[in-house]
Amino acid sequence: MKTRELRVLTDDQLADNLRDAAKQMFQLRFRAATEKLNAPSELRELRRRIARIKTLQRERELVQSRTEQK
């Protein structure tokens, strides 16, 4: 998913997406350790997807804390 697509999701949907991505990452790493991956680039793409989601969550957290301070 691109950042544009992630931005329209709610906080709960982002958390679900993150959970799914982490689960997929675990499975891919396990498969990589036991057998050869068909597309090793999947690991990089998943890492980046997880980073995008965490970045968006942090941005929203910062915006929320700024509005509470005012």
PDB file of N, CA and C in Angstrom:
ATOM      1  N   MET A   1       0.833  -1.184   0.000  1.00  0.00           N
ATOM      2  CA  MET A   1       0.000   0.000   0.000  1.00  0.00           C
ATOM      3  C   MET A   1       0.875   1.243   0.000  1.00  0.00           C
ATOM      4  N   LYS A   2       0.417   2.218  -0.699  1.00  0.00           N
ATOM      5  CA  LYS A   2       1.123   3.488  -0.747  1.00  0.00           C
ATOM      6  C   LYS A   2       0.696   4.347   0.440  1.00  0.00           C
ATOM      7  N   THR A   3       1.467   5.359   0.715  1.00  0.00           N
ATOM      8  CA  THR A   3       1.182   6.242   1.840  1.00  0.00           C
ATOM      9  C   THR A   3      -0.168   6.920   1.672  1.00  0.00           C
ATOM     10  N   ARG A   4      -0.493   7.305   0.439  1.00  0.00           N
ATOM     11  CA  ARG A   4      -1.790   7.940   0.182  1.00  0.00           C
ATOM     12  C   ARG A   4      -2.932   7.034   0.612  1.00  0.00           C
ATOM     13  N   GLU A   5      -2.806   5.746   0.306  1.00  0.00           N
ATOM     14  CA  GLU A   5      -3.860   4.795   0.655  1.00  0.00           C
ATOM     15  C   GLU A   5      -3.929   4.583   2.160  1.00  0.00           C
ATOM     16  N   LEU A   6      -2.788   4.632   2.820  1.00  0.00           N
ATOM     17  CA  LEU A   6      -2.761   4.425   4.269  1.00  0.00           C
ATOM     18  C   LEU A   6      -3.333   5.614   5.028  1.00  0.00           C
ATOM     19  N   ARG A   7      -3.152   6.808   4.492  1.00  0.00           N
ATOM     20  CA  ARG A   7      -3.622   8.016   5.183  1.00  0.00           C
ATOM     21  C   ARG A   7      -5.138   8.063   5.343  1.00  0.00           C
ATOM     22  N   VAL A   8      -5.876   7.425   4.462  1.00  0.00           N
ATOM     23  CA  VAL A   8      -7.338   7.483   4.550  1.00  0.00           C
ATOM     24  C   VAL A   8      -7.894   6.465   5.543  1.00  0.00           C
ATOM     25  N   LEU A   9      -7.057   5.574   6.036  1.00  0.00           N
ATOM     26  CA  LEU A   9      -7.515   4.556   6.973  1.00  0.00           C
ATOM     27  C   LEU A   9      -7.656   5.141   8.376  1.00  0.00           C
ATOM     28  N   THR A  10      -8.533   4.533   9.159  1.00  0.00           N
ATOM     29  CA  THR A  10      -8.702   4.959  10.547  1.00  0.00           C
ATOM     30  C   THR A  10      -7.560   4.384  11.385  1.00  0.00           C
ATOM     31  N   ASP A  11      -7.487   4.822  12.629  1.00  0.00           N
ATOM     32  CA  ASP A  11      -6.438   4.337  13.526  1.00  0.00           C
ATOM     33  C   ASP A  11      -6.545   2.826  13.743  1.00  0.00           C
ATOM     34  N   ASP A  12      -7.769   2.341  13.885  1.00  0.00           N
ATOM     35  CA  ASP A  12      -7.970   0.903  14.090  1.00  0.00           C
ATOM     36  C   ASP A  12      -7.563   0.103  12.855  1.00  0.00           C
ATOM     37  N   GLN A  13      -7.888   0.625  11.694  1.00  0.00           N
ATOM     38  CA  GLN A  13      -7.512  -0.062  10.468  1.00  0.00           C
ATOM     39  C   GLN A  13      -5.994  -0.075  10.290  1.00  0.00           C
ATOM     40  N   LEU A  14      -5.342   1.022  10.673  1.00  0.00           N
ATOM     41  CA  LEU A  14      -3.882   1.067  10.614  1.00  0.00           C
ATOM     42  C   LEU A  14      -3.266   0.038  11.556  1.00  0.00           C
ATOM     43  N   ALA A  15      -3.825  -0.069  12.747  1.00  0.00           N
ATOM     44  CA  ALA A  15      -3.312  -1.040  13.712  1.00  0.00           C
ATOM     45  C   ALA A  15      -3.491  -2.470  13.181  1.00  0.00           C
ATOM     46  N   ASP A  16      -4.636  -2.738  12.571  1.00  0.00           N
ATOM     47  CA  ASP A  16      -4.868  -4.059  11.982  1.00  0.00           C
ATOM     48  C   ASP A  16      -3.885  -4.330  10.850  1.00  0.00           C
ATOM     49  N   ASN A  17      -3.661  -3.321  10.026  1.00  0.00           N
ATOM     50  CA  ASN A  17      -2.700  -3.449   8.930  1.00  0.00           C
ATOM     51  C   ASN A  17      -1.305  -3.739   9.452  1.00  0.00           C
ATOM     52  N   LEU A  18      -0.918  -3.043  10.521  1.00  0.00           N
ATOM     53  CA  LEU A  18       0.394  -3.247  11.118  1.00  0.00           C
ATOM     54  C   LEU A  18       0.519  -4.664  11.670  1.00  0.00           C
ATOM     55  N   ARG A  19      -0.518  -5.129  12.338  1.00  0.00           N
ATOM     56  CA  ARG A  19      -0.513  -6.480  12.890  1.00  0.00           C
ATOM     57  C   ARG A  19      -0.370  -7.526  11.780  1.00  0.00           C
ATOM     58  N   ASP A  20      -1.110  -7.331  10.695  1.00  0.00           N
ATOM     59  CA  ASP A  20      -1.028  -8.259   9.565  1.00  0.00           C
ATOM     60  C   ASP A  20       0.356  -8.242   8.922  1.00  0.00           C
ATOM     61  N   ALA A  21       0.917  -7.056   8.772  1.00  0.00           N
ATOM     62  CA  ALA A  21       2.238  -6.928   8.157  1.00  0.00           C
ATOM     63  C   ALA A  21       3.311  -7.581   9.030  1.00  0.00           C
ATOM     64  N   ALA A  22       3.197  -7.405  10.341  1.00  0.00           N
ATOM     65  CA  ALA A  22       4.164  -8.023  11.248  1.00  0.00           C
ATOM     66  C   ALA A  22       4.065  -9.548  11.183  1.00  0.00           C
ATOM     67  N   LYS A  23       2.843 -10.043  11.080  1.00  0.00           N
ATOM     68  CA  LYS A  23       2.640 -11.484  10.967  1.00  0.00           C
ATOM     69  C   LYS A  23       3.241 -12.014   9.661  1.00  0.00           C
ATOM     70  N   GLN A  24       3.018 -11.281   8.578  1.00  0.00           N
ATOM     71  CA  GLN A  24       3.593 -11.667   7.290  1.00  0.00           C
ATOM     72  C   GLN A  24       5.114 -11.625   7.330  1.00  0.00           C
ATOM     73  N   MET A  25       5.668 -10.624   8.010  1.00  0.00           N
ATOM     74  CA  MET A  25       7.123 -10.499   8.126  1.00  0.00           C
ATOM     75  C   MET A  25       7.692 -11.705   8.861  1.00  0.00           C
ATOM     76  N   PHE A  26       7.039 -12.120   9.923  1.00  0.00           N
ATOM     77  CA  PHE A  26       7.494 -13.283  10.673  1.00  0.00           C
ATOM     78  C   PHE A  26       7.494 -14.521   9.774  1.00  0.00           C
ATOM     79  N   GLN A  27       6.406 -14.706   9.048  1.00  0.00           N
ATOM     80  CA  GLN A  27       6.307 -15.870   8.170  1.00  0.00           C
ATOM     81  C   GLN A  27       7.361 -15.840   7.067  1.00  0.00           C
ATOM     82  N   LEU A  28       7.591 -14.659   6.494  1.00  0.00           N
ATOM     83  CA  LEU A  28       8.605 -14.546   5.441  1.00  0.00           C
ATOM     84  C   LEU A  28      10.002 -14.815   5.979  1.00  0.00           C
ATOM     85  N   ARG A  29      10.297 -14.284   7.144  1.00  0.00           N
ATOM     86  CA  ARG A  29      11.619 -14.523   7.734  1.00  0.00           C
ATOM     87  C   ARG A  29      11.805 -15.994   8.052  1.00  0.00           C
ATOM     88  N   PHE A  30      10.770 -16.624   8.539  1.00  0.00           N
ATOM     89  CA  PHE A  30      10.834 -18.054   8.843  1.00  0.00           C
ATOM     90  C   PHE A  30      11.070 -18.854   7.562  1.00  0.00           C
ATOM     91  N   ARG A  31      10.321 -18.506   6.505  1.00  0.00           N
ATOM     92  CA  ARG A  31      10.505 -19.183   5.221  1.00  0.00           C
ATOM     93  C   ARG A  31      11.898 -18.936   4.655  1.00  0.00           C
ATOM     94  N   ALA A  32      12.408 -17.722   4.837  1.00  0.00           N
ATOM     95  CA  ALA A  32      13.737 -17.388   4.330  1.00  0.00           C
ATOM     96  C   ALA A  32      14.811 -18.209   5.030  1.00  0.00           C
ATOM     97  N   ALA A  33      14.584 -18.516   6.298  1.00  0.00           N
ATOM     98  CA  ALA A  33      15.564 -19.296   7.053  1.00  0.00           C
ATOM     99  C   ALA A  33      15.513 -20.777   6.682  1.00  0.00           C
ATOM    100  N   THR A  34      14.350 -21.250   6.277  1.00  0.00           N
ATOM    101  CA  THR A  34      14.205 -22.681   6.008  1.00  0.00           C
ATOM    102  C   THR A  34      14.283 -23.048   4.535  1.00  0.00           C
ATOM    103  N   GLU A  35      13.965 -22.104   3.673  1.00  0.00           N
ATOM    104  CA  GLU A  35      13.997 -22.381   2.234  1.00  0.00           C
ATOM    105  C   GLU A  35      14.258 -21.100   1.472  1.00  0.00           C
ATOM    106  N   LYS A  36      14.473 -21.230   0.193  1.00  0.00           N
ATOM    107  CA  LYS A  36      14.746 -20.069  -0.637  1.00  0.00           C
ATOM    108  C   LYS A  36      13.438 -19.355  -0.978  1.00  0.00           C
ATOM    109  N   LEU A  37      13.448 -18.025  -0.852  1.00  0.00           N
ATOM    110  CA  LEU A  37      12.262 -17.231  -1.180  1.00  0.00           C
ATOM    111  C   LEU A  37      12.167 -17.033  -2.691  1.00  0.00           C
ATOM    112  N   ASN A  38      10.948 -17.004  -3.190  1.00  0.00           N
ATOM    113  CA  ASN A  38      10.735 -16.732  -4.609  1.00  0.00           C
ATOM    114  C   ASN A  38      11.082 -15.291  -4.948  1.00  0.00           C
ATOM    115  N   ALA A  39      10.696 -14.392  -4.061  1.00  0.00           N
ATOM    116  CA  ALA A  39      10.944 -12.959  -4.279  1.00  0.00           C
ATOM    117  C   ALA A  39      11.518 -12.356  -2.997  1.00  0.00           C
ATOM    118  N   PRO A  40      12.832 -12.334  -2.856  1.00  0.00           N
ATOM    119  CA  PRO A  40      13.434 -11.766  -1.646  1.00  0.00           C
ATOM    120  C   PRO A  40      13.094 -10.293  -1.437  1.00  0.00           C
ATOM    121  N   SER A  41      12.686  -9.611  -2.489  1.00  0.00           N
ATOM    122  CA  SER A  41      12.323  -8.196  -2.352  1.00  0.00           C
ATOM    123  C   SER A  41      11.070  -8.012  -1.497  1.00  0.00           C
ATOM    124  N   GLU A  42      10.323  -9.077  -1.283  1.00  0.00           N
ATOM    125  CA  GLU A  42       9.125  -8.984  -0.432  1.00  0.00           C
ATOM    126  C   GLU A  42       9.489  -8.536   0.974  1.00  0.00           C
ATOM    127  N   LEU A  43      10.629  -8.993   1.478  1.00  0.00           N
ATOM    128  CA  LEU A  43      11.057  -8.597   2.817  1.00  0.00           C
ATOM    129  C   LEU A  43      11.259  -7.089   2.896  1.00  0.00           C
ATOM    130  N   ARG A  44      11.919  -6.528   1.909  1.00  0.00           N
ATOM    131  CA  ARG A  44      12.168  -5.083   1.884  1.00  0.00           C
ATOM    132  C   ARG A  44      10.853  -4.324   1.786  1.00  0.00           C
ATOM    133  N   GLU A  45       9.963  -4.778   0.931  1.00  0.00           N
ATOM    134  CA  GLU A  45       8.674  -4.103   0.763  1.00  0.00           C
ATOM    135  C   GLU A  45       7.862  -4.136   2.057  1.00  0.00           C
ATOM    136  N   LEU A  46       7.877  -5.269   2.733  1.00  0.00           N
ATOM    137  CA  LEU A  46       7.140  -5.383   3.998  1.00  0.00           C
ATOM    138  C   LEU A  46       7.740  -4.490   5.079  1.00  0.00           C
ATOM    139  N   ARG A  47       9.070  -4.459   5.152  1.00  0.00           N
ATOM    140  CA  ARG A  47       9.728  -3.581   6.128  1.00  0.00           C
ATOM    141  C   ARG A  47       9.327  -2.137   5.894  1.00  0.00           C
ATOM    142  N   ARG A  48       9.294  -1.736   4.644  1.00  0.00           N
ATOM    143  CA  ARG A  48       8.927  -0.355   4.317  1.00  0.00           C
ATOM    144  C   ARG A  48       7.460  -0.082   4.626  1.00  0.00           C
ATOM    145  N   ARG A  49       6.612  -1.064   4.372  1.00  0.00           N
ATOM    146  CA  ARG A  49       5.186  -0.905   4.683  1.00  0.00           C
ATOM    147  C   ARG A  49       4.984  -0.719   6.182  1.00  0.00           C
ATOM    148  N   ILE A  50       5.695  -1.527   6.972  1.00  0.00           N
ATOM    149  CA  ILE A  50       5.608  -1.409   8.431  1.00  0.00           C
ATOM    150  C   ILE A  50       6.105  -0.028   8.869  1.00  0.00           C
ATOM    151  N   ALA A  51       7.188   0.433   8.286  1.00  0.00           N
ATOM    152  CA  ALA A  51       7.725   1.752   8.634  1.00  0.00           C
ATOM    153  C   ALA A  51       6.737   2.859   8.278  1.00  0.00           C
ATOM    154  N   ARG A  52       6.086   2.749   7.120  1.00  0.00           N
ATOM    155  CA  ARG A  52       5.093   3.753   6.725  1.00  0.00           C
ATOM    156  C   ARG A  52       3.951   3.810   7.740  1.00  0.00           C
ATOM    157  N   ILE A  53       3.461   2.640   8.123  1.00  0.00           N
ATOM    158  CA  ILE A  53       2.336   2.588   9.066  1.00  0.00           C
ATOM    159  C   ILE A  53       2.746   3.185  10.401  1.00  0.00           C
ATOM    160  N   LYS A  54       3.921   2.814  10.904  1.00  0.00           N
ATOM    161  CA  LYS A  54       4.373   3.349  12.190  1.00  0.00           C
ATOM    162  C   LYS A  54       4.585   4.859  12.123  1.00  0.00           C
ATOM    163  N   THR A  55       5.072   5.347  10.990  1.00  0.00           N
ATOM    164  CA  THR A  55       5.264   6.784  10.816  1.00  0.00           C
ATOM    165  C   THR A  55       3.934   7.516  10.865  1.00  0.00           C
ATOM    166  N   LEU A  56       2.935   6.983  10.172  1.00  0.00           N
ATOM    167  CA  LEU A  56       1.608   7.613  10.191  1.00  0.00           C
ATOM    168  C   LEU A  56       1.006   7.594  11.594  1.00  0.00           C
ATOM    169  N   GLN A  57       1.170   6.486  12.308  1.00  0.00           N
ATOM    170  CA  GLN A  57       0.645   6.418  13.666  1.00  0.00           C
ATOM    171  C   GLN A  57       1.308   7.468  14.552  1.00  0.00           C
ATOM    172  N   ARG A  58       2.615   7.628  14.398  1.00  0.00           N
ATOM    173  CA  ARG A  58       3.343   8.614  15.197  1.00  0.00           C
ATOM    174  C   ARG A  58       2.922  10.034  14.836  1.00  0.00           C
ATOM    175  N   GLU A  59       2.730  10.309  13.549  1.00  0.00           N
ATOM    176  CA  GLU A  59       2.267  11.631  13.122  1.00  0.00           C
ATOM    177  C   GLU A  59       0.927  11.963  13.758  1.00  0.00           C
ATOM    178  N   ARG A  60       0.023  11.001  13.724  1.00  0.00           N
ATOM    179  CA  ARG A  60      -1.308  11.229  14.307  1.00  0.00           C
ATOM    180  C   ARG A  60      -1.214  11.434  15.809  1.00  0.00           C
ATOM    181  N   GLU A  61      -0.326  10.681  16.453  1.00  0.00           N
ATOM    182  CA  GLU A  61      -0.136  10.810  17.891  1.00  0.00           C
ATOM    183  C   GLU A  61       0.374  12.215  18.234  1.00  0.00           C
ATOM    184  N   LEU A  62       1.320  12.711  17.453  1.00  0.00           N
ATOM    185  CA  LEU A  62       1.871  14.052  17.696  1.00  0.00           C
ATOM    186  C   LEU A  62       0.827  15.138  17.468  1.00  0.00           C
ATOM    187  N   VAL A  63       0.025  15.000  16.425  1.00  0.00           N
ATOM    188  CA  VAL A  63      -1.031  15.979  16.138  1.00  0.00           C
ATOM    189  C   VAL A  63      -2.032  15.990  17.291  1.00  0.00           C
ATOM    190  N   GLN A  64      -2.385  14.818  17.780  1.00  0.00           N
ATOM    191  CA  GLN A  64      -3.350  14.724  18.869  1.00  0.00           C
ATOM    192  C   GLN A  64      -2.782  15.366  20.150  1.00  0.00           C
ATOM    193  N   SER A  65      -1.518  15.117  20.443  1.00  0.00           N
ATOM    194  CA  SER A  65      -0.945  15.693  21.657  1.00  0.00           C
ATOM    195  C   SER A  65      -0.827  17.211  21.551  1.00  0.00           C
ATOM    196  N   ARG A  66      -0.573  17.720  20.342  1.00  0.00           N
ATOM    197  CA  ARG A  66      -0.510  19.182  20.154  1.00  0.00           C
ATOM    198  C   ARG A  66      -1.866  19.824  20.347  1.00  0.00           C
ATOM    199  N   THR A  67      -2.910  19.179  19.870  1.00  0.00           N
ATOM    200  CA  THR A  67      -4.248  19.764  20.022  1.00  0.00           C
ATOM    201  C   THR A  67      -4.713  19.702  21.473  1.00  0.00           C
ATOM    202  N   GLU A  68      -4.256  18.704  22.213  1.00  0.00           N
ATOM    203  CA  GLU A  68      -4.631  18.607  23.636  1.00  0.00           C
ATOM    204  C   GLU A  68      -3.931  19.669  24.472  1.00  0.00           C
ATOM    205  N   GLN A  69      -2.744  20.083  24.051  1.00  0.00           N
ATOM    206  CA  GLN A  69      -1.983  21.088  24.796  1.00  0.00           C
ATOM    207  C   GLN A  69      -2.574  22.472  24.637  1.00  0.00           C
ATOM    208  N   LYS A  70      -3.250  22.722  23.540  1.00  0.00           N
ATOM    209  CA  LYS A  70      -3.792  24.063  23.287  1.00  0.00           C
ATOM    210  C   LYS A  70      -5.083  24.313  23.971  1.00  0.00           C
TER     211      LYS A  70
END
